[in-house]
Structures are given as C-alpha cells and as structure tokens.
Amino acid sequence: MKKTKTPQPNLEESIQKQLTILDDKFKRALADYQNLERNQHQSKLLEKGKIISKFLPLLDGLELTHQHTQDPVTEMMVKEFKKVLNELGVSLIDSEKGSEFDSLSMDCVEVAAGEKDKVVKIIQPGYKLGEVVLRPARVEVGSGQATPSVIPTEVEGSSK
C-alpha cells in the first residue's frame, strides 16, 4: 500500500508568511546598514570640517600679509593653501557683492545703504565642505535705503 501525500494548503501559506517575514527583516537590516553608512560618512565629514576650520585663520593671515606686502612668495603660499583646501573638498561660499543674503551660510555683521537683503560688501569670506558650512561668510547687507540714513548727533533744545 502506497501512501499518497495530499497537498497541504497550510504549508504554502506558512512558507509564504515566513518568506514575507524574512523579506521584511532583510529590508530593515539593509535600511539600518545604509543609515549606518550615511551616519558614518556624515560624522567623518564633520570631523574633517573641524580640523580644516582650525586652518582657516592661517589662510586669513596669509591673505592679509599678501595684501599689505604684495610679496610673490606670500602669494604663492596663499595659492598653494587654497589649492590644498580645494583638493580636500573645501569651497568658497558664494557671497559676491549683489548676491542674495543667505542666513544659513552668511553672517550679517553690518547693515548699510543698498539693495534690500543683498550683499553690499564681503567682510570675511566663508567656506564650506560639501554642504557643511565651516565658517559663514561675514557680510554687509543692504537695508533697502538708497543713501545712508543720517542720525542726529545733538538732542533738540540742548546747548553746548
């Protein structure tokens, strides 16, 4: 006598449920791994940015020295410094005169006569590493007035 196996509908359902559960676990593990990679990349970028930020005042000093001395050696040092920063992924924040003021990448240190919310003058250039701001650009921003407003220096009715 031969035993014949009858198909078990519950077995297929059980296998399908297990497959769905395993597929779900796989997708979650993959998402966790991708998040871990992204977080590690972001963490490395922030650490790299902290180190690079410490060198920016040196660049400022070299540029200031070059402006005052016009020494070709200093000029070469500034160019090399900027080249190395560029190779590391550092770029200038776009804060050209006339550009729109961006509070995420610029600090307004003064308001002056000029087109409203437009950069009037760059006080100190800003730098970023990818999309991470290392140092915001320090700028003068237009107030919307065509001429500087005059503030009276004497109080009315007072005499000297």
N, C-alpha and C. Protein backbone atom coordinates (compact mmCIF):
# COMPACT_ATOMS: atom_id res chain seq x y z
N MET A 1 0.82 -1.16 0.00
CA MET A 1 0.00 0.00 0.00
C MET A 1 0.88 1.25 0.00
N LYS A 2 0.60 2.11 -0.93
CA LYS A 2 1.34 3.36 -1.08
C LYS A 2 0.62 4.49 -0.39
N LYS A 3 1.46 5.27 0.28
CA LYS A 3 0.85 6.46 0.90
C LYS A 3 0.92 7.59 -0.11
N THR A 4 -0.12 8.20 -0.35
CA THR A 4 -0.13 9.36 -1.23
C THR A 4 -0.23 10.61 -0.36
N LYS A 5 0.61 11.52 -0.74
CA LYS A 5 0.60 12.78 0.02
C LYS A 5 -0.44 13.70 -0.58
N THR A 6 -1.19 14.22 0.24
CA THR A 6 -2.17 15.19 -0.21
C THR A 6 -1.57 16.57 0.00
N PRO A 7 -1.74 17.46 -0.97
CA PRO A 7 -1.19 18.80 -0.82
C PRO A 7 -1.78 19.48 0.41
N GLN A 8 -0.89 20.13 1.09
CA GLN A 8 -1.33 20.84 2.29
C GLN A 8 -1.38 22.34 2.00
N PRO A 9 -2.55 22.89 1.93
CA PRO A 9 -2.67 24.32 1.64
C PRO A 9 -2.06 25.17 2.75
N ASN A 10 -2.06 24.67 3.94
CA ASN A 10 -1.49 25.42 5.05
C ASN A 10 0.02 25.54 4.93
N LEU A 11 0.67 24.54 4.33
CA LEU A 11 2.12 24.57 4.15
C LEU A 11 2.53 25.72 3.23
N GLU A 12 1.83 25.91 2.14
CA GLU A 12 2.13 27.01 1.22
C GLU A 12 1.94 28.36 1.90
N GLU A 13 0.86 28.48 2.64
CA GLU A 13 0.60 29.74 3.35
C GLU A 13 1.69 30.00 4.39
N SER A 14 2.09 28.95 5.08
CA SER A 14 3.12 29.07 6.10
C SER A 14 4.45 29.50 5.48
N ILE A 15 4.80 28.87 4.36
CA ILE A 15 6.05 29.23 3.66
C ILE A 15 5.97 30.68 3.17
N GLN A 16 4.84 31.07 2.63
CA GLN A 16 4.66 32.44 2.13
C GLN A 16 4.79 33.45 3.27
N LYS A 17 4.22 33.15 4.43
CA LYS A 17 4.33 34.04 5.59
C LYS A 17 5.78 34.17 6.05
N GLN A 18 6.48 33.02 6.10
CA GLN A 18 7.89 33.04 6.51
C GLN A 18 8.73 33.84 5.52
N LEU A 19 8.43 33.67 4.22
CA LEU A 19 9.15 34.43 3.19
C LEU A 19 8.91 35.92 3.36
N THR A 20 7.68 36.30 3.63
CA THR A 20 7.35 37.71 3.84
C THR A 20 8.08 38.26 5.07
N ILE A 21 8.10 37.47 6.14
CA ILE A 21 8.78 37.91 7.37
C ILE A 21 10.28 38.07 7.12
N LEU A 22 10.89 37.09 6.45
CA LEU A 22 12.33 37.16 6.16
C LEU A 22 12.65 38.33 5.22
N ASP A 23 11.78 38.54 4.23
CA ASP A 23 11.99 39.66 3.31
C ASP A 23 11.91 40.98 4.06
N ASP A 24 10.97 41.09 4.98
CA ASP A 24 10.82 42.29 5.80
C ASP A 24 12.07 42.52 6.66
N LYS A 25 12.56 41.45 7.28
CA LYS A 25 13.77 41.56 8.11
C LYS A 25 14.97 41.98 7.27
N PHE A 26 15.07 41.42 6.07
CA PHE A 26 16.18 41.77 5.18
C PHE A 26 16.12 43.25 4.82
N LYS A 27 14.94 43.73 4.46
CA LYS A 27 14.79 45.14 4.09
C LYS A 27 15.14 46.06 5.25
N ARG A 28 14.74 45.68 6.46
CA ARG A 28 15.05 46.50 7.64
C ARG A 28 16.55 46.51 7.92
N ALA A 29 17.17 45.33 7.79
CA ALA A 29 18.62 45.23 8.02
C ALA A 29 19.37 46.06 6.99
N LEU A 30 18.93 46.01 5.74
CA LEU A 30 19.56 46.80 4.68
C LEU A 30 19.40 48.29 4.95
N ALA A 31 18.22 48.71 5.36
CA ALA A 31 17.98 50.13 5.68
C ALA A 31 18.84 50.57 6.86
N ASP A 32 18.95 49.71 7.88
CA ASP A 32 19.81 50.03 9.03
C ASP A 32 21.26 50.19 8.60
N TYR A 33 21.71 49.31 7.74
CA TYR A 33 23.10 49.37 7.26
C TYR A 33 23.33 50.65 6.45
N GLN A 34 22.40 50.99 5.58
CA GLN A 34 22.53 52.22 4.79
C GLN A 34 22.53 53.45 5.69
N ASN A 35 21.70 53.45 6.72
CA ASN A 35 21.69 54.56 7.68
C ASN A 35 23.02 54.65 8.42
N LEU A 36 23.57 53.50 8.80
CA LEU A 36 24.86 53.47 9.48
C LEU A 36 25.96 54.04 8.59
N GLU A 37 25.97 53.62 7.32
CA GLU A 37 26.97 54.15 6.38
C GLU A 37 26.83 55.66 6.24
N ARG A 38 25.59 56.14 6.08
CA ARG A 38 25.36 57.58 5.91
C ARG A 38 25.80 58.34 7.16
N ASN A 39 25.46 57.81 8.33
CA ASN A 39 25.85 58.47 9.59
C ASN A 39 27.36 58.50 9.76
N GLN A 40 28.04 57.41 9.40
CA GLN A 40 29.50 57.39 9.49
C GLN A 40 30.12 58.39 8.52
N HIS A 41 29.57 58.46 7.31
CA HIS A 41 30.09 59.42 6.33
C HIS A 41 29.90 60.85 6.85
N GLN A 42 28.72 61.13 7.38
CA GLN A 42 28.44 62.47 7.91
C GLN A 42 29.36 62.79 9.08
N SER A 43 29.58 61.81 9.94
CA SER A 43 30.46 62.00 11.10
C SER A 43 31.89 62.29 10.66
N LYS A 44 32.37 61.54 9.67
CA LYS A 44 33.73 61.77 9.15
C LYS A 44 33.84 63.16 8.53
N LEU A 45 32.79 63.56 7.80
CA LEU A 45 32.78 64.88 7.17
C LEU A 45 32.84 65.98 8.23
N LEU A 46 32.08 65.83 9.31
CA LEU A 46 32.09 66.83 10.38
C LEU A 46 33.44 66.90 11.07
N GLU A 47 34.06 65.76 11.32
CA GLU A 47 35.39 65.74 11.95
C GLU A 47 36.43 66.39 11.04
N LYS A 48 36.36 66.06 9.76
CA LYS A 48 37.27 66.66 8.78
C LYS A 48 37.07 68.17 8.76
N GLY A 49 35.81 68.60 8.81
CA GLY A 49 35.50 70.03 8.82
C GLY A 49 36.04 70.74 10.04
N LYS A 50 35.98 70.10 11.21
CA LYS A 50 36.51 70.71 12.43
C LYS A 50 38.01 70.95 12.30
N ILE A 51 38.71 69.98 11.74
CA ILE A 51 40.16 70.11 11.58
C ILE A 51 40.49 71.21 10.57
N ILE A 52 39.81 71.20 9.43
CA ILE A 52 40.07 72.20 8.39
C ILE A 52 39.76 73.60 8.91
N SER A 53 38.70 73.74 9.70
CA SER A 53 38.31 75.05 10.24
C SER A 53 39.42 75.70 11.04
N LYS A 54 40.22 74.89 11.69
CA LYS A 54 41.32 75.43 12.50
C LYS A 54 42.41 76.07 11.64
N PHE A 55 42.47 75.72 10.36
CA PHE A 55 43.48 76.27 9.46
C PHE A 55 43.01 77.53 8.74
N LEU A 56 41.72 77.82 8.76
CA LEU A 56 41.20 78.99 8.04
C LEU A 56 41.76 80.31 8.55
N PRO A 57 41.96 80.51 9.86
CA PRO A 57 42.58 81.75 10.32
C PRO A 57 44.01 81.92 9.78
N LEU A 58 44.71 80.81 9.57
CA LEU A 58 46.06 80.90 8.98
C LEU A 58 45.98 81.43 7.55
N LEU A 59 45.00 80.95 6.80
CA LEU A 59 44.80 81.44 5.44
C LEU A 59 44.47 82.93 5.47
N ASP A 60 43.60 83.33 6.39
CA ASP A 60 43.25 84.76 6.52
C ASP A 60 44.50 85.59 6.77
N GLY A 61 45.37 85.12 7.66
CA GLY A 61 46.60 85.84 7.97
C GLY A 61 47.53 85.93 6.76
N LEU A 62 47.65 84.84 6.02
CA LEU A 62 48.48 84.87 4.81
C LEU A 62 47.92 85.84 3.78
N GLU A 63 46.60 85.83 3.60
CA GLU A 63 45.99 86.74 2.63
C GLU A 63 46.18 88.20 3.05
N LEU A 64 46.02 88.48 4.32
CA LEU A 64 46.22 89.84 4.83
C LEU A 64 47.67 90.27 4.63
N THR A 65 48.59 89.38 4.93
CA THR A 65 50.01 89.67 4.73
C THR A 65 50.29 89.97 3.27
N HIS A 66 49.72 89.16 2.39
CA HIS A 66 49.95 89.38 0.95
C HIS A 66 49.36 90.72 0.49
N GLN A 67 48.18 91.08 1.01
CA GLN A 67 47.57 92.35 0.63
C GLN A 67 48.46 93.53 1.01
N HIS A 68 49.14 93.43 2.14
CA HIS A 68 49.96 94.54 2.60
C HIS A 68 51.37 94.53 2.02
N THR A 69 51.90 93.36 1.73
CA THR A 69 53.30 93.31 1.26
C THR A 69 53.44 93.09 -0.24
N GLN A 70 52.41 92.51 -0.86
CA GLN A 70 52.47 92.15 -2.29
C GLN A 70 53.68 91.27 -2.59
N ASP A 71 54.09 90.49 -1.61
CA ASP A 71 55.24 89.59 -1.74
C ASP A 71 54.85 88.38 -2.59
N PRO A 72 55.63 88.08 -3.65
CA PRO A 72 55.30 86.93 -4.51
C PRO A 72 55.35 85.59 -3.77
N VAL A 73 56.21 85.49 -2.77
CA VAL A 73 56.30 84.24 -2.00
C VAL A 73 55.01 84.03 -1.20
N THR A 74 54.52 85.09 -0.60
CA THR A 74 53.27 85.01 0.15
C THR A 74 52.11 84.67 -0.78
N GLU A 75 52.13 85.27 -1.97
CA GLU A 75 51.09 84.99 -2.97
C GLU A 75 51.10 83.51 -3.33
N MET A 76 52.29 82.95 -3.52
CA MET A 76 52.42 81.54 -3.85
C MET A 76 51.89 80.66 -2.71
N MET A 77 52.18 81.06 -1.48
CA MET A 77 51.71 80.29 -0.32
C MET A 77 50.18 80.31 -0.23
N VAL A 78 49.58 81.46 -0.50
CA VAL A 78 48.13 81.57 -0.48
C VAL A 78 47.52 80.67 -1.55
N LYS A 79 48.10 80.70 -2.76
CA LYS A 79 47.58 79.87 -3.85
C LYS A 79 47.68 78.39 -3.51
N GLU A 80 48.81 77.98 -2.95
CA GLU A 80 49.01 76.57 -2.57
C GLU A 80 48.04 76.17 -1.46
N PHE A 81 47.86 77.05 -0.51
CA PHE A 81 46.94 76.78 0.60
C PHE A 81 45.53 76.55 0.05
N LYS A 82 45.09 77.45 -0.85
CA LYS A 82 43.76 77.33 -1.44
C LYS A 82 43.64 76.08 -2.30
N LYS A 83 44.72 75.71 -2.97
CA LYS A 83 44.73 74.50 -3.80
C LYS A 83 44.52 73.26 -2.93
N VAL A 84 45.22 73.21 -1.80
CA VAL A 84 45.07 72.07 -0.88
C VAL A 84 43.64 72.02 -0.33
N LEU A 85 43.10 73.17 0.05
CA LEU A 85 41.73 73.20 0.56
C LEU A 85 40.76 72.69 -0.51
N ASN A 86 40.97 73.12 -1.75
CA ASN A 86 40.13 72.68 -2.85
C ASN A 86 40.21 71.16 -3.04
N GLU A 87 41.42 70.61 -2.94
CA GLU A 87 41.61 69.16 -3.08
C GLU A 87 40.92 68.40 -1.95
N LEU A 88 40.78 69.04 -0.80
CA LEU A 88 40.09 68.41 0.34
C LEU A 88 38.57 68.56 0.25
N GLY A 89 38.10 69.28 -0.77
CA GLY A 89 36.66 69.45 -0.96
C GLY A 89 36.10 70.73 -0.39
N VAL A 90 36.98 71.65 0.00
CA VAL A 90 36.54 72.92 0.57
C VAL A 90 36.32 73.92 -0.56
N SER A 91 35.22 74.66 -0.47
CA SER A 91 34.94 75.69 -1.47
C SER A 91 34.47 76.97 -0.78
N LEU A 92 34.62 78.07 -1.51
CA LEU A 92 34.15 79.37 -1.01
C LEU A 92 32.63 79.41 -1.03
N ILE A 93 32.06 80.06 -0.05
CA ILE A 93 30.62 80.29 -0.05
C ILE A 93 30.35 81.45 -0.99
N ASP A 94 29.38 81.28 -1.87
CA ASP A 94 29.04 82.33 -2.83
C ASP A 94 28.43 83.51 -2.08
N SER A 95 29.23 84.54 -1.90
CA SER A 95 28.75 85.73 -1.19
C SER A 95 29.20 86.98 -1.94
N GLU A 96 29.19 86.89 -3.26
CA GLU A 96 29.63 88.02 -4.08
C GLU A 96 28.73 89.23 -3.85
N LYS A 97 29.30 90.39 -4.10
CA LYS A 97 28.55 91.64 -3.98
C LYS A 97 27.34 91.56 -4.91
N GLY A 98 26.17 91.87 -4.36
CA GLY A 98 24.94 91.84 -5.15
C GLY A 98 24.17 90.53 -5.03
N SER A 99 24.79 89.51 -4.44
CA SER A 99 24.08 88.23 -4.29
C SER A 99 23.09 88.30 -3.13
N GLU A 100 22.12 87.44 -3.15
CA GLU A 100 21.08 87.38 -2.12
C GLU A 100 21.68 86.94 -0.79
N PHE A 101 21.30 87.62 0.30
CA PHE A 101 21.78 87.24 1.63
C PHE A 101 21.16 85.91 2.02
N ASP A 102 21.99 84.96 2.47
CA ASP A 102 21.54 83.64 2.90
C ASP A 102 21.96 83.44 4.35
N SER A 103 20.99 83.43 5.25
CA SER A 103 21.30 83.35 6.68
C SER A 103 21.90 82.01 7.08
N LEU A 104 21.80 80.99 6.24
CA LEU A 104 22.38 79.68 6.56
C LEU A 104 23.88 79.64 6.30
N SER A 105 24.35 80.49 5.39
CA SER A 105 25.77 80.46 5.05
C SER A 105 26.47 81.80 5.23
N MET A 106 25.74 82.80 5.72
CA MET A 106 26.33 84.13 5.90
C MET A 106 25.92 84.72 7.24
N ASP A 107 26.82 85.52 7.80
CA ASP A 107 26.53 86.30 9.00
C ASP A 107 26.49 87.76 8.58
N CYS A 108 25.40 88.45 8.91
CA CYS A 108 25.31 89.87 8.63
C CYS A 108 25.97 90.60 9.80
N VAL A 109 27.08 91.26 9.53
CA VAL A 109 27.78 91.98 10.60
C VAL A 109 27.47 93.47 10.57
N GLU A 110 26.86 93.92 9.47
CA GLU A 110 26.51 95.34 9.37
C GLU A 110 25.44 95.50 8.31
N VAL A 111 24.57 96.49 8.52
CA VAL A 111 23.55 96.85 7.54
C VAL A 111 23.94 98.20 6.99
N ALA A 112 23.92 98.32 5.66
CA ALA A 112 24.34 99.57 5.02
C ALA A 112 23.34 99.93 3.92
N ALA A 113 23.52 101.12 3.37
CA ALA A 113 22.68 101.55 2.27
C ALA A 113 22.91 100.61 1.09
N GLY A 114 21.84 100.27 0.43
CA GLY A 114 21.96 99.38 -0.72
C GLY A 114 20.68 98.60 -0.92
N GLU A 115 20.68 97.79 -1.95
CA GLU A 115 19.50 96.99 -2.28
C GLU A 115 19.16 96.05 -1.12
N LYS A 116 17.89 96.02 -0.76
CA LYS A 116 17.44 95.25 0.41
C LYS A 116 17.80 93.77 0.29
N ASP A 117 18.38 93.25 1.37
CA ASP A 117 18.74 91.83 1.50
C ASP A 117 19.75 91.34 0.46
N LYS A 118 20.54 92.27 -0.06
CA LYS A 118 21.62 91.91 -0.99
C LYS A 118 22.95 92.20 -0.32
N VAL A 119 23.95 91.39 -0.65
CA VAL A 119 25.29 91.60 -0.09
C VAL A 119 25.87 92.88 -0.68
N VAL A 120 26.28 93.80 0.20
CA VAL A 120 26.87 95.07 -0.22
C VAL A 120 28.39 94.95 -0.20
N LYS A 121 28.92 94.24 0.80
CA LYS A 121 30.36 94.13 0.96
C LYS A 121 30.69 92.82 1.69
N ILE A 122 31.78 92.19 1.27
CA ILE A 122 32.25 90.98 1.95
C ILE A 122 33.31 91.39 2.96
N ILE A 123 33.05 91.12 4.22
CA ILE A 123 34.00 91.44 5.28
C ILE A 123 35.02 90.31 5.42
N GLN A 124 34.54 89.07 5.41
CA GLN A 124 35.41 87.90 5.53
C GLN A 124 34.76 86.76 4.73
N PRO A 125 35.53 86.11 3.85
CA PRO A 125 34.94 85.03 3.05
C PRO A 125 34.55 83.84 3.93
N GLY A 126 33.54 83.12 3.47
CA GLY A 126 33.10 81.92 4.17
C GLY A 126 33.50 80.69 3.37
N TYR A 127 33.57 79.56 4.06
CA TYR A 127 33.98 78.31 3.42
C TYR A 127 33.03 77.19 3.80
N LYS A 128 32.89 76.23 2.88
CA LYS A 128 32.07 75.05 3.16
C LYS A 128 32.79 73.80 2.66
N LEU A 129 32.47 72.70 3.29
CA LEU A 129 32.99 71.38 2.92
C LEU A 129 31.79 70.59 2.47
N GLY A 130 31.65 70.43 1.16
CA GLY A 130 30.42 69.85 0.63
C GLY A 130 29.29 70.82 0.92
N GLU A 131 28.31 70.38 1.67
CA GLU A 131 27.20 71.25 2.06
C GLU A 131 27.33 71.72 3.52
N VAL A 132 28.39 71.31 4.19
CA VAL A 132 28.61 71.68 5.59
C VAL A 132 29.35 73.01 5.65
N VAL A 133 28.76 74.00 6.30
CA VAL A 133 29.39 75.32 6.44
C VAL A 133 30.49 75.23 7.50
N LEU A 134 31.73 75.49 7.07
CA LEU A 134 32.85 75.51 8.01
C LEU A 134 32.93 76.84 8.73
N ARG A 135 32.75 77.90 7.96
CA ARG A 135 32.74 79.25 8.52
C ARG A 135 31.82 80.09 7.64
N PRO A 136 30.80 80.70 8.22
CA PRO A 136 29.92 81.53 7.40
C PRO A 136 30.64 82.78 6.91
N ALA A 137 30.24 83.24 5.74
CA ALA A 137 30.79 84.48 5.21
C ALA A 137 30.26 85.63 6.06
N ARG A 138 31.15 86.55 6.41
CA ARG A 138 30.74 87.73 7.18
C ARG A 138 30.54 88.86 6.16
N VAL A 139 29.32 89.37 6.09
CA VAL A 139 28.98 90.33 5.05
C VAL A 139 28.23 91.53 5.59
N GLU A 140 28.24 92.58 4.76
CA GLU A 140 27.44 93.78 4.99
C GLU A 140 26.23 93.63 4.07
N VAL A 141 25.04 93.86 4.59
CA VAL A 141 23.81 93.64 3.82
C VAL A 141 23.07 94.96 3.62
N GLY A 142 22.47 95.10 2.44
CA GLY A 142 21.72 96.30 2.11
C GLY A 142 20.44 96.44 2.91
N SER A 143 20.13 97.68 3.29
CA SER A 143 18.95 97.97 4.12
C SER A 143 17.72 98.30 3.28
N GLY A 144 17.93 98.56 2.01
CA GLY A 144 16.81 98.96 1.16
C GLY A 144 16.76 100.46 0.96
N GLN A 145 17.62 101.20 1.66
CA GLN A 145 17.69 102.66 1.50
C GLN A 145 18.79 102.98 0.50
N ALA A 146 18.52 104.00 -0.31
CA ALA A 146 19.50 104.38 -1.33
C ALA A 146 20.70 105.09 -0.73
N THR A 147 20.47 105.89 0.30
CA THR A 147 21.59 106.60 0.92
C THR A 147 21.61 106.28 2.41
N PRO A 148 22.76 106.39 3.01
CA PRO A 148 22.82 106.13 4.45
C PRO A 148 21.94 107.11 5.21
N SER A 149 21.23 106.61 6.20
CA SER A 149 20.38 107.50 6.99
C SER A 149 21.25 108.32 7.93
N VAL A 150 20.83 109.57 8.14
CA VAL A 150 21.59 110.47 9.00
C VAL A 150 20.97 110.42 10.38
N ILE A 151 21.79 110.16 11.36
CA ILE A 151 21.32 110.13 12.74
C ILE A 151 21.77 111.42 13.40
N PRO A 152 20.81 112.20 13.95
CA PRO A 152 21.20 113.46 14.59
C PRO A 152 22.13 113.19 15.78
N THR A 153 23.15 114.04 15.88
CA THR A 153 24.12 113.87 16.96
C THR A 153 23.76 114.70 18.18
N GLU A 154 22.90 115.70 18.00
CA GLU A 154 22.51 116.55 19.13
C GLU A 154 21.04 116.34 19.45
N VAL A 155 20.73 116.44 20.70
CA VAL A 155 19.34 116.37 21.12
C VAL A 155 18.79 117.79 21.02
N GLU A 156 17.57 117.92 20.46
CA GLU A 156 16.99 119.26 20.30
C GLU A 156 16.83 119.94 21.64
N GLY A 157 17.11 121.20 21.67
CA GLY A 157 16.94 122.01 22.87
C GLY A 157 18.16 122.01 23.78
N SER A 158 19.14 121.23 23.47
CA SER A 158 20.34 121.23 24.33
C SER A 158 21.35 122.19 23.74
N SER A 159 22.12 122.79 24.58
CA SER A 159 23.15 123.72 24.10
C SER A 159 24.48 123.32 24.70
N LYS A 160 25.53 123.69 23.99
CA LYS A 160 26.88 123.36 24.45
C LYS A 160 27.53 124.56 25.02
